[in-house]
Amino acid sequence: MEVFVGALTIFLLALFVGFEIITKVPPLLHTPLMSGANAISGITLVGTLVTSGQQLTTFTTILGLVAVAMATANVVGGFLVTHRMLGMFHRSD
């Protein structure tokens, strides 16, 4: 139970800090920061794969699966947005 409370505390603190950081970034900077966010999301994806692979309990395995799915969607979405942004800088002939 102590491990769960510690993990929940870290999760809630990360959620709060992430929300505060993202809301403080001006809208014009969101797209250029996507490439950096993709790198962070990739690290998150590796971490969720390692964590969910431990299979401590069924609950943690399910949470790990959800985390892997969300991190994967975040990485793929980030690359799609970055690809679209870079497409806007091509010269039109």
PDB file of N, CA and C in Angstrom:
ATOM      1  N   MET A   1       0.828  -1.192   0.000  1.00  0.00           N
ATOM      2  CA  MET A   1       0.000   0.000   0.000  1.00  0.00           C
ATOM      3  C   MET A   1       0.875   1.259   0.000  1.00  0.00           C
ATOM      4  N   GLU A   2       2.017   1.200   0.710  1.00  0.00           N
ATOM      5  CA  GLU A   2       2.898   2.367   0.763  1.00  0.00           C
ATOM      6  C   GLU A   2       3.487   2.676  -0.608  1.00  0.00           C
ATOM      7  N   VAL A   3       3.768   1.645  -1.388  1.00  0.00           N
ATOM      8  CA  VAL A   3       4.309   1.844  -2.739  1.00  0.00           C
ATOM      9  C   VAL A   3       3.259   2.521  -3.614  1.00  0.00           C
ATOM     10  N   PHE A   4       2.012   2.095  -3.488  1.00  0.00           N
ATOM     11  CA  PHE A   4       0.934   2.685  -4.274  1.00  0.00           C
ATOM     12  C   PHE A   4       0.746   4.156  -3.924  1.00  0.00           C
ATOM     13  N   VAL A   5       0.775   4.500  -2.670  1.00  0.00           N
ATOM     14  CA  VAL A   5       0.616   5.894  -2.243  1.00  0.00           C
ATOM     15  C   VAL A   5       1.776   6.742  -2.763  1.00  0.00           C
ATOM     16  N   GLY A   6       2.989   6.205  -2.705  1.00  0.00           N
ATOM     17  CA  GLY A   6       4.145   6.928  -3.233  1.00  0.00           C
ATOM     18  C   GLY A   6       4.045   7.142  -4.735  1.00  0.00           C
ATOM     19  N   ALA A   7       3.643   6.092  -5.460  1.00  0.00           N
ATOM     20  CA  ALA A   7       3.498   6.200  -6.911  1.00  0.00           C
ATOM     21  C   ALA A   7       2.371   7.167  -7.272  1.00  0.00           C
ATOM     22  N   LEU A   8       1.281   7.123  -6.536  1.00  0.00           N
ATOM     23  CA  LEU A   8       0.170   8.038  -6.786  1.00  0.00           C
ATOM     24  C   LEU A   8       0.569   9.480  -6.511  1.00  0.00           C
ATOM     25  N   THR A   9       1.352   9.701  -5.476  1.00  0.00           N
ATOM     26  CA  THR A   9       1.841  11.047  -5.159  1.00  0.00           C
ATOM     27  C   THR A   9       2.730  11.580  -6.282  1.00  0.00           C
ATOM     28  N   ILE A  10       3.639  10.758  -6.774  1.00  0.00           N
ATOM     29  CA  ILE A  10       4.509  11.176  -7.875  1.00  0.00           C
ATOM     30  C   ILE A  10       3.684  11.467  -9.119  1.00  0.00           C
ATOM     31  N   PHE A  11       2.705  10.624  -9.409  1.00  0.00           N
ATOM     32  CA  PHE A  11       1.846  10.840 -10.573  1.00  0.00           C
ATOM     33  C   PHE A  11       1.087  12.153 -10.473  1.00  0.00           C
ATOM     34  N   LEU A  12       0.501  12.429  -9.326  1.00  0.00           N
ATOM     35  CA  LEU A  12      -0.270  13.663  -9.164  1.00  0.00           C
ATOM     36  C   LEU A  12       0.623  14.901  -9.228  1.00  0.00           C
ATOM     37  N   LEU A  13       1.818  14.823  -8.662  1.00  0.00           N
ATOM     38  CA  LEU A  13       2.747  15.945  -8.755  1.00  0.00           C
ATOM     39  C   LEU A  13       3.192  16.176 -10.202  1.00  0.00           C
ATOM     40  N   ALA A  14       3.477  15.094 -10.931  1.00  0.00           N
ATOM     41  CA  ALA A  14       3.869  15.223 -12.340  1.00  0.00           C
ATOM     42  C   ALA A  14       2.724  15.792 -13.166  1.00  0.00           C
ATOM     43  N   LEU A  15       1.512  15.380 -12.878  1.00  0.00           N
ATOM     44  CA  LEU A  15       0.342  15.907 -13.580  1.00  0.00           C
ATOM     45  C   LEU A  15       0.188  17.400 -13.329  1.00  0.00           C
ATOM     46  N   PHE A  16       0.329  17.817 -12.102  1.00  0.00           N
ATOM     47  CA  PHE A  16       0.198  19.236 -11.754  1.00  0.00           C
ATOM     48  C   PHE A  16       1.308  20.069 -12.390  1.00  0.00           C
ATOM     49  N   VAL A  17       2.551  19.613 -12.279  1.00  0.00           N
ATOM     50  CA  VAL A  17       3.677  20.362 -12.843  1.00  0.00           C
ATOM     51  C   VAL A  17       3.566  20.438 -14.358  1.00  0.00           C
ATOM     52  N   GLY A  18       3.210  19.327 -15.010  1.00  0.00           N
ATOM     53  CA  GLY A  18       3.042  19.330 -16.462  1.00  0.00           C
ATOM     54  C   GLY A  18       1.964  20.290 -16.910  1.00  0.00           C
ATOM     55  N   PHE A  19       0.839  20.304 -16.215  1.00  0.00           N
ATOM     56  CA  PHE A  19      -0.245  21.231 -16.554  1.00  0.00           C
ATOM     57  C   PHE A  19       0.195  22.683 -16.390  1.00  0.00           C
ATOM     58  N   GLU A  20       0.886  22.974 -15.302  1.00  0.00           N
ATOM     59  CA  GLU A  20       1.348  24.339 -15.064  1.00  0.00           C
ATOM     60  C   GLU A  20       2.355  24.792 -16.120  1.00  0.00           C
ATOM     61  N   ILE A  21       3.247  23.906 -16.524  1.00  0.00           N
ATOM     62  CA  ILE A  21       4.250  24.267 -17.528  1.00  0.00           C
ATOM     63  C   ILE A  21       3.591  24.511 -18.882  1.00  0.00           C
ATOM     64  N   ILE A  22       2.704  23.640 -19.290  1.00  0.00           N
ATOM     65  CA  ILE A  22       2.071  23.763 -20.605  1.00  0.00           C
ATOM     66  C   ILE A  22       1.188  25.003 -20.678  1.00  0.00           C
ATOM     67  N   THR A  23       0.489  25.327 -19.614  1.00  0.00           N
ATOM     68  CA  THR A  23      -0.382  26.507 -19.668  1.00  0.00           C
ATOM     69  C   THR A  23       0.407  27.810 -19.667  1.00  0.00           C
ATOM     70  N   LYS A  24       1.659  27.773 -19.259  1.00  0.00           N
ATOM     71  CA  LYS A  24       2.471  28.994 -19.239  1.00  0.00           C
ATOM     72  C   LYS A  24       3.185  29.254 -20.567  1.00  0.00           C
ATOM     73  N   VAL A  25       3.194  28.279 -21.478  1.00  0.00           N
ATOM     74  CA  VAL A  25       3.858  28.445 -22.767  1.00  0.00           C
ATOM     75  C   VAL A  25       2.920  29.199 -23.711  1.00  0.00           C
ATOM     76  N   PRO A  26       3.409  30.268 -24.356  1.00  0.00           N
ATOM     77  CA  PRO A  26       2.559  30.996 -25.311  1.00  0.00           C
ATOM     78  C   PRO A  26       2.160  30.097 -26.489  1.00  0.00           C
ATOM     79  N   PRO A  27       0.989  30.304 -27.062  1.00  0.00           N
ATOM     80  CA  PRO A  27       0.519  29.450 -28.164  1.00  0.00           C
ATOM     81  C   PRO A  27       1.469  29.422 -29.369  1.00  0.00           C
ATOM     82  N   LEU A  28       2.200  30.500 -29.616  1.00  0.00           N
ATOM     83  CA  LEU A  28       3.106  30.521 -30.761  1.00  0.00           C
ATOM     84  C   LEU A  28       4.286  29.573 -30.589  1.00  0.00           C
ATOM     85  N   LEU A  29       4.591  29.185 -29.370  1.00  0.00           N
ATOM     86  CA  LEU A  29       5.731  28.303 -29.127  1.00  0.00           C
ATOM     87  C   LEU A  29       5.358  26.829 -29.034  1.00  0.00           C
ATOM     88  N   HIS A  30       4.071  26.514 -29.040  1.00  0.00           N
ATOM     89  CA  HIS A  30       3.669  25.121 -28.867  1.00  0.00           C
ATOM     90  C   HIS A  30       4.198  24.223 -29.984  1.00  0.00           C
ATOM     91  N   THR A  31       4.060  24.650 -31.240  1.00  0.00           N
ATOM     92  CA  THR A  31       4.468  23.793 -32.349  1.00  0.00           C
ATOM     93  C   THR A  31       5.975  23.576 -32.396  1.00  0.00           C
ATOM     94  N   PRO A  32       6.819  24.624 -32.260  1.00  0.00           N
ATOM     95  CA  PRO A  32       8.269  24.347 -32.265  1.00  0.00           C
ATOM     96  C   PRO A  32       8.730  23.477 -31.104  1.00  0.00           C
ATOM     97  N   LEU A  33       7.998  23.483 -30.020  1.00  0.00           N
ATOM     98  CA  LEU A  33       8.400  22.652 -28.878  1.00  0.00           C
ATOM     99  C   LEU A  33       7.999  21.192 -29.037  1.00  0.00           C
ATOM    100  N   MET A  34       7.246  20.876 -30.097  1.00  0.00           N
ATOM    101  CA  MET A  34       6.786  19.505 -30.277  1.00  0.00           C
ATOM    102  C   MET A  34       7.942  18.529 -30.471  1.00  0.00           C
ATOM    103  N   SER A  35       9.013  18.951 -31.165  1.00  0.00           N
ATOM    104  CA  SER A  35      10.107  18.023 -31.384  1.00  0.00           C
ATOM    105  C   SER A  35      10.782  17.659 -30.066  1.00  0.00           C
ATOM    106  N   GLY A  36      10.925  18.618 -29.187  1.00  0.00           N
ATOM    107  CA  GLY A  36      11.470  18.322 -27.858  1.00  0.00           C
ATOM    108  C   GLY A  36      10.522  17.465 -27.048  1.00  0.00           C
ATOM    109  N   ALA A  37       9.233  17.729 -27.193  1.00  0.00           N
ATOM    110  CA  ALA A  37       8.236  16.930 -26.479  1.00  0.00           C
ATOM    111  C   ALA A  37       8.226  15.498 -26.995  1.00  0.00           C
ATOM    112  N   ASN A  38       8.511  15.311 -28.290  1.00  0.00           N
ATOM    113  CA  ASN A  38       8.569  13.948 -28.829  1.00  0.00           C
ATOM    114  C   ASN A  38       9.692  13.152 -28.183  1.00  0.00           C
ATOM    115  N   ALA A  39      10.824  13.788 -27.964  1.00  0.00           N
ATOM    116  CA  ALA A  39      11.936  13.100 -27.317  1.00  0.00           C
ATOM    117  C   ALA A  39      11.561  12.702 -25.891  1.00  0.00           C
ATOM    118  N   ILE A  40      10.904  13.597 -25.181  1.00  0.00           N
ATOM    119  CA  ILE A  40      10.483  13.298 -23.813  1.00  0.00           C
ATOM    120  C   ILE A  40       9.438  12.188 -23.811  1.00  0.00           C
ATOM    121  N   SER A  41       8.523  12.229 -24.777  1.00  0.00           N
ATOM    122  CA  SER A  41       7.501  11.188 -24.861  1.00  0.00           C
ATOM    123  C   SER A  41       8.114   9.840 -25.206  1.00  0.00           C
ATOM    124  N   GLY A  42       9.173   9.857 -26.005  1.00  0.00           N
ATOM    125  CA  GLY A  42       9.863   8.607 -26.301  1.00  0.00           C
ATOM    126  C   GLY A  42      10.485   8.000 -25.058  1.00  0.00           C
ATOM    127  N   ILE A  43      11.054   8.846 -24.223  1.00  0.00           N
ATOM    128  CA  ILE A  43      11.623   8.371 -22.954  1.00  0.00           C
ATOM    129  C   ILE A  43      10.500   7.834 -22.058  1.00  0.00           C
ATOM    130  N   THR A  44       9.376   8.527 -22.053  1.00  0.00           N
ATOM    131  CA  THR A  44       8.223   8.075 -21.280  1.00  0.00           C
ATOM    132  C   THR A  44       7.742   6.719 -21.771  1.00  0.00           C
ATOM    133  N   LEU A  45       7.735   6.543 -23.081  1.00  0.00           N
ATOM    134  CA  LEU A  45       7.296   5.267 -23.647  1.00  0.00           C
ATOM    135  C   LEU A  45       8.211   4.128 -23.214  1.00  0.00           C
ATOM    136  N   VAL A  46       9.506   4.347 -23.243  1.00  0.00           N
ATOM    137  CA  VAL A  46      10.452   3.319 -22.803  1.00  0.00           C
ATOM    138  C   VAL A  46      10.238   3.017 -21.312  1.00  0.00           C
ATOM    139  N   GLY A  47      10.041   4.054 -20.522  1.00  0.00           N
ATOM    140  CA  GLY A  47       9.798   3.857 -19.094  1.00  0.00           C
ATOM    141  C   GLY A  47       8.524   3.075 -18.812  1.00  0.00           C
ATOM    142  N   THR A  48       7.475   3.368 -19.562  1.00  0.00           N
ATOM    143  CA  THR A  48       6.220   2.640 -19.348  1.00  0.00           C
ATOM    144  C   THR A  48       6.348   1.186 -19.789  1.00  0.00           C
ATOM    145  N   LEU A  49       7.117   0.932 -20.844  1.00  0.00           N
ATOM    146  CA  LEU A  49       7.329  -0.458 -21.266  1.00  0.00           C
ATOM    147  C   LEU A  49       8.085  -1.250 -20.197  1.00  0.00           C
ATOM    148  N   VAL A  50       9.109  -0.631 -19.623  1.00  0.00           N
ATOM    149  CA  VAL A  50       9.887  -1.305 -18.581  1.00  0.00           C
ATOM    150  C   VAL A  50       9.020  -1.542 -17.349  1.00  0.00           C
ATOM    151  N   THR A  51       8.272  -0.536 -16.956  1.00  0.00           N
ATOM    152  CA  THR A  51       7.442  -0.637 -15.752  1.00  0.00           C
ATOM    153  C   THR A  51       6.328  -1.661 -15.920  1.00  0.00           C
ATOM    154  N   SER A  52       5.643  -1.626 -17.062  1.00  0.00           N
ATOM    155  CA  SER A  52       4.538  -2.567 -17.245  1.00  0.00           C
ATOM    156  C   SER A  52       5.038  -3.986 -17.448  1.00  0.00           C
ATOM    157  N   GLY A  53       6.282  -4.137 -17.884  1.00  0.00           N
ATOM    158  CA  GLY A  53       6.843  -5.468 -18.070  1.00  0.00           C
ATOM    159  C   GLY A  53       7.147  -6.193 -16.776  1.00  0.00           C
ATOM    160  N   GLN A  54       7.174  -5.475 -15.662  1.00  0.00           N
ATOM    161  CA  GLN A  54       7.464  -6.113 -14.372  1.00  0.00           C
ATOM    162  C   GLN A  54       6.299  -6.955 -13.866  1.00  0.00           C
ATOM    163  N   GLN A  55       5.089  -6.636 -14.255  1.00  0.00           N
ATOM    164  CA  GLN A  55       3.878  -7.379 -13.893  1.00  0.00           C
ATOM    165  C   GLN A  55       3.801  -7.672 -12.395  1.00  0.00           C
ATOM    166  N   LEU A  56       3.858  -6.603 -11.598  1.00  0.00           N
ATOM    167  CA  LEU A  56       3.782  -6.783 -10.145  1.00  0.00           C
ATOM    168  C   LEU A  56       2.406  -7.273  -9.730  1.00  0.00           C
ATOM    169  N   THR A  57       1.375  -6.599 -10.191  1.00  0.00           N
ATOM    170  CA  THR A  57       0.000  -7.035  -9.943  1.00  0.00           C
ATOM    171  C   THR A  57      -0.786  -6.842 -11.231  1.00  0.00           C
ATOM    172  N   THR A  58      -1.990  -7.357 -11.260  1.00  0.00           N
ATOM    173  CA  THR A  58      -2.841  -7.172 -12.443  1.00  0.00           C
ATOM    174  C   THR A  58      -3.173  -5.695 -12.639  1.00  0.00           C
ATOM    175  N   PHE A  59      -3.401  -4.992 -11.548  1.00  0.00           N
ATOM    176  CA  PHE A  59      -3.735  -3.570 -11.614  1.00  0.00           C
ATOM    177  C   PHE A  59      -2.592  -2.760 -12.220  1.00  0.00           C
ATOM    178  N   THR A  60      -1.372  -3.031 -11.791  1.00  0.00           N
ATOM    179  CA  THR A  60      -0.229  -2.283 -12.339  1.00  0.00           C
ATOM    180  C   THR A  60       0.023  -2.646 -13.801  1.00  0.00           C
ATOM    181  N   THR A  61      -0.252  -3.887 -14.170  1.00  0.00           N
ATOM    182  CA  THR A  61      -0.097  -4.287 -15.568  1.00  0.00           C
ATOM    183  C   THR A  61      -1.107  -3.563 -16.450  1.00  0.00           C
ATOM    184  N   ILE A  62      -2.343  -3.438 -15.969  1.00  0.00           N
ATOM    185  CA  ILE A  62      -3.368  -2.715 -16.737  1.00  0.00           C
ATOM    186  C   ILE A  62      -3.012  -1.234 -16.831  1.00  0.00           C
ATOM    187  N   LEU A  63      -2.568  -0.645 -15.719  1.00  0.00           N
ATOM    188  CA  LEU A  63      -2.139   0.760 -15.766  1.00  0.00           C
ATOM    189  C   LEU A  63      -0.951   0.941 -16.711  1.00  0.00           C
ATOM    190  N   GLY A  64      -0.040  -0.022 -16.721  1.00  0.00           N
ATOM    191  CA  GLY A  64       1.090   0.030 -17.629  1.00  0.00           C
ATOM    192  C   GLY A  64       0.656  -0.030 -19.075  1.00  0.00           C
ATOM    193  N   LEU A  65      -0.319  -0.878 -19.377  1.00  0.00           N
ATOM    194  CA  LEU A  65      -0.850  -0.970 -20.731  1.00  0.00           C
ATOM    195  C   LEU A  65      -1.480   0.350 -21.163  1.00  0.00           C
ATOM    196  N   VAL A  66      -2.243   0.961 -20.281  1.00  0.00           N
ATOM    197  CA  VAL A  66      -2.855   2.261 -20.583  1.00  0.00           C
ATOM    198  C   VAL A  66      -1.773   3.316 -20.785  1.00  0.00           C
ATOM    199  N   ALA A  67      -0.748   3.294 -19.955  1.00  0.00           N
ATOM    200  CA  ALA A  67       0.344   4.259 -20.086  1.00  0.00           C
ATOM    201  C   ALA A  67       1.091   4.083 -21.393  1.00  0.00           C
ATOM    202  N   VAL A  68       1.328   2.841 -21.800  1.00  0.00           N
ATOM    203  CA  VAL A  68       2.004   2.580 -23.077  1.00  0.00           C
ATOM    204  C   VAL A  68       1.155   3.089 -24.235  1.00  0.00           C
ATOM    205  N   ALA A  69      -0.146   2.839 -24.186  1.00  0.00           N
ATOM    206  CA  ALA A  69      -1.038   3.306 -25.259  1.00  0.00           C
ATOM    207  C   ALA A  69      -1.057   4.835 -25.336  1.00  0.00           C
ATOM    208  N   MET A  70      -1.126   5.492 -24.192  1.00  0.00           N
ATOM    209  CA  MET A  70      -1.167   6.960 -24.188  1.00  0.00           C
ATOM    210  C   MET A  70       0.164   7.554 -24.638  1.00  0.00           C
ATOM    211  N   ALA A  71       1.275   6.997 -24.196  1.00  0.00           N
ATOM    212  CA  ALA A  71       2.586   7.501 -24.604  1.00  0.00           C
ATOM    213  C   ALA A  71       2.806   7.281 -26.094  1.00  0.00           C
ATOM    214  N   THR A  72       2.355   6.148 -26.614  1.00  0.00           N
ATOM    215  CA  THR A  72       2.477   5.882 -28.047  1.00  0.00           C
ATOM    216  C   THR A  72       1.649   6.870 -28.854  1.00  0.00           C
ATOM    217  N   ALA A  73       0.428   7.123 -28.430  1.00  0.00           N
ATOM    218  CA  ALA A  73      -0.416   8.105 -29.121  1.00  0.00           C
ATOM    219  C   ALA A  73       0.218   9.490 -29.073  1.00  0.00           C
ATOM    220  N   ASN A  74       0.843   9.830 -27.974  1.00  0.00           N
ATOM    221  CA  ASN A  74       1.494  11.127 -27.836  1.00  0.00           C
ATOM    222  C   ASN A  74       2.684  11.250 -28.783  1.00  0.00           C
ATOM    223  N   VAL A  75       3.489  10.207 -28.886  1.00  0.00           N
ATOM    224  CA  VAL A  75       4.656  10.235 -29.786  1.00  0.00           C
ATOM    225  C   VAL A  75       4.204  10.322 -31.238  1.00  0.00           C
ATOM    226  N   VAL A  76       3.255   9.488 -31.628  1.00  0.00           N
ATOM    227  CA  VAL A  76       2.776   9.488 -33.017  1.00  0.00           C
ATOM    228  C   VAL A  76       2.135  10.828 -33.352  1.00  0.00           C
ATOM    229  N   GLY A  77       1.291  11.345 -32.484  1.00  0.00           N
ATOM    230  CA  GLY A  77       0.664  12.645 -32.717  1.00  0.00           C
ATOM    231  C   GLY A  77       1.681  13.762 -32.807  1.00  0.00           C
ATOM    232  N   GLY A  78       2.693  13.715 -31.974  1.00  0.00           N
ATOM    233  CA  GLY A  78       3.736  14.730 -32.018  1.00  0.00           C
ATOM    234  C   GLY A  78       4.500  14.715 -33.324  1.00  0.00           C
ATOM    235  N   PHE A  79       4.823  13.513 -33.816  1.00  0.00           N
ATOM    236  CA  PHE A  79       5.512  13.434 -35.094  1.00  0.00           C
ATOM    237  C   PHE A  79       4.625  13.896 -36.243  1.00  0.00           C
ATOM    238  N   LEU A  80       3.339  13.608 -36.183  1.00  0.00           N
ATOM    239  CA  LEU A  80       2.430  14.072 -37.240  1.00  0.00           C
ATOM    240  C   LEU A  80       2.335  15.595 -37.257  1.00  0.00           C
ATOM    241  N   VAL A  81       2.249  16.205 -36.088  1.00  0.00           N
ATOM    242  CA  VAL A  81       2.186  17.661 -36.013  1.00  0.00           C
ATOM    243  C   VAL A  81       3.497  18.280 -36.492  1.00  0.00           C
ATOM    244  N   THR A  82       4.623  17.697 -36.097  1.00  0.00           N
ATOM    245  CA  THR A  82       5.915  18.216 -36.527  1.00  0.00           C
ATOM    246  C   THR A  82       6.070  18.075 -38.037  1.00  0.00           C
ATOM    247  N   HIS A  83       5.636  16.945 -38.597  1.00  0.00           N
ATOM    248  CA  HIS A  83       5.711  16.749 -40.046  1.00  0.00           C
ATOM    249  C   HIS A  83       4.856  17.786 -40.779  1.00  0.00           C
ATOM    250  N   ARG A  84       3.682  18.038 -40.271  1.00  0.00           N
ATOM    251  CA  ARG A  84       2.810  19.042 -40.891  1.00  0.00           C
ATOM    252  C   ARG A  84       3.418  20.440 -40.780  1.00  0.00           C
ATOM    253  N   MET A  85       4.009  20.746 -39.630  1.00  0.00           N
ATOM    254  CA  MET A  85       4.631  22.053 -39.450  1.00  0.00           C
ATOM    255  C   MET A  85       5.791  22.227 -40.427  1.00  0.00           C
ATOM    256  N   LEU A  86       6.625  21.210 -40.572  1.00  0.00           N
ATOM    257  CA  LEU A  86       7.753  21.311 -41.493  1.00  0.00           C
ATOM    258  C   LEU A  86       7.288  21.409 -42.941  1.00  0.00           C
ATOM    259  N   GLY A  87       6.149  20.835 -43.252  1.00  0.00           N
ATOM    260  CA  GLY A  87       5.586  20.941 -44.599  1.00  0.00           C
ATOM    261  C   GLY A  87       5.196  22.369 -44.948  1.00  0.00           C
ATOM    262  N   MET A  88       4.919  23.182 -43.960  1.00  0.00           N
ATOM    263  CA  MET A  88       4.539  24.574 -44.227  1.00  0.00           C
ATOM    264  C   MET A  88       5.736  25.408 -44.657  1.00  0.00           C
ATOM    265  N   PHE A  89       6.952  24.926 -44.447  1.00  0.00           N
ATOM    266  CA  PHE A  89       8.130  25.712 -44.771  1.00  0.00           C
ATOM    267  C   PHE A  89       8.728  25.363 -46.132  1.00  0.00           C
ATOM    268  N   HIS A  90       8.087  24.506 -46.899  1.00  0.00           N
ATOM    269  CA  HIS A  90       8.575  24.182 -48.236  1.00  0.00           C
ATOM    270  C   HIS A  90       8.289  25.340 -49.184  1.00  0.00           C
ATOM    271  N   ARG A  91       9.187  25.536 -50.118  1.00  0.00           N
ATOM    272  CA  ARG A  91       8.968  26.575 -51.122  1.00  0.00           C
ATOM    273  C   ARG A  91       7.923  26.095 -52.114  1.00  0.00           C
ATOM    274  N   SER A  92       7.050  26.978 -52.469  1.00  0.00           N
ATOM    275  CA  SER A  92       6.073  26.646 -53.510  1.00  0.00           C
ATOM    276  C   SER A  92       6.616  27.117 -54.854  1.00  0.00           C
ATOM    277  N   ASP A  93       6.691  26.215 -55.820  1.00  0.00           N
ATOM    278  CA  ASP A  93       7.254  26.554 -57.138  1.00  0.00           C
ATOM    279  C   ASP A  93       6.193  27.095 -58.067  1.00  0.00           C
TER     280      ASP A  93
END
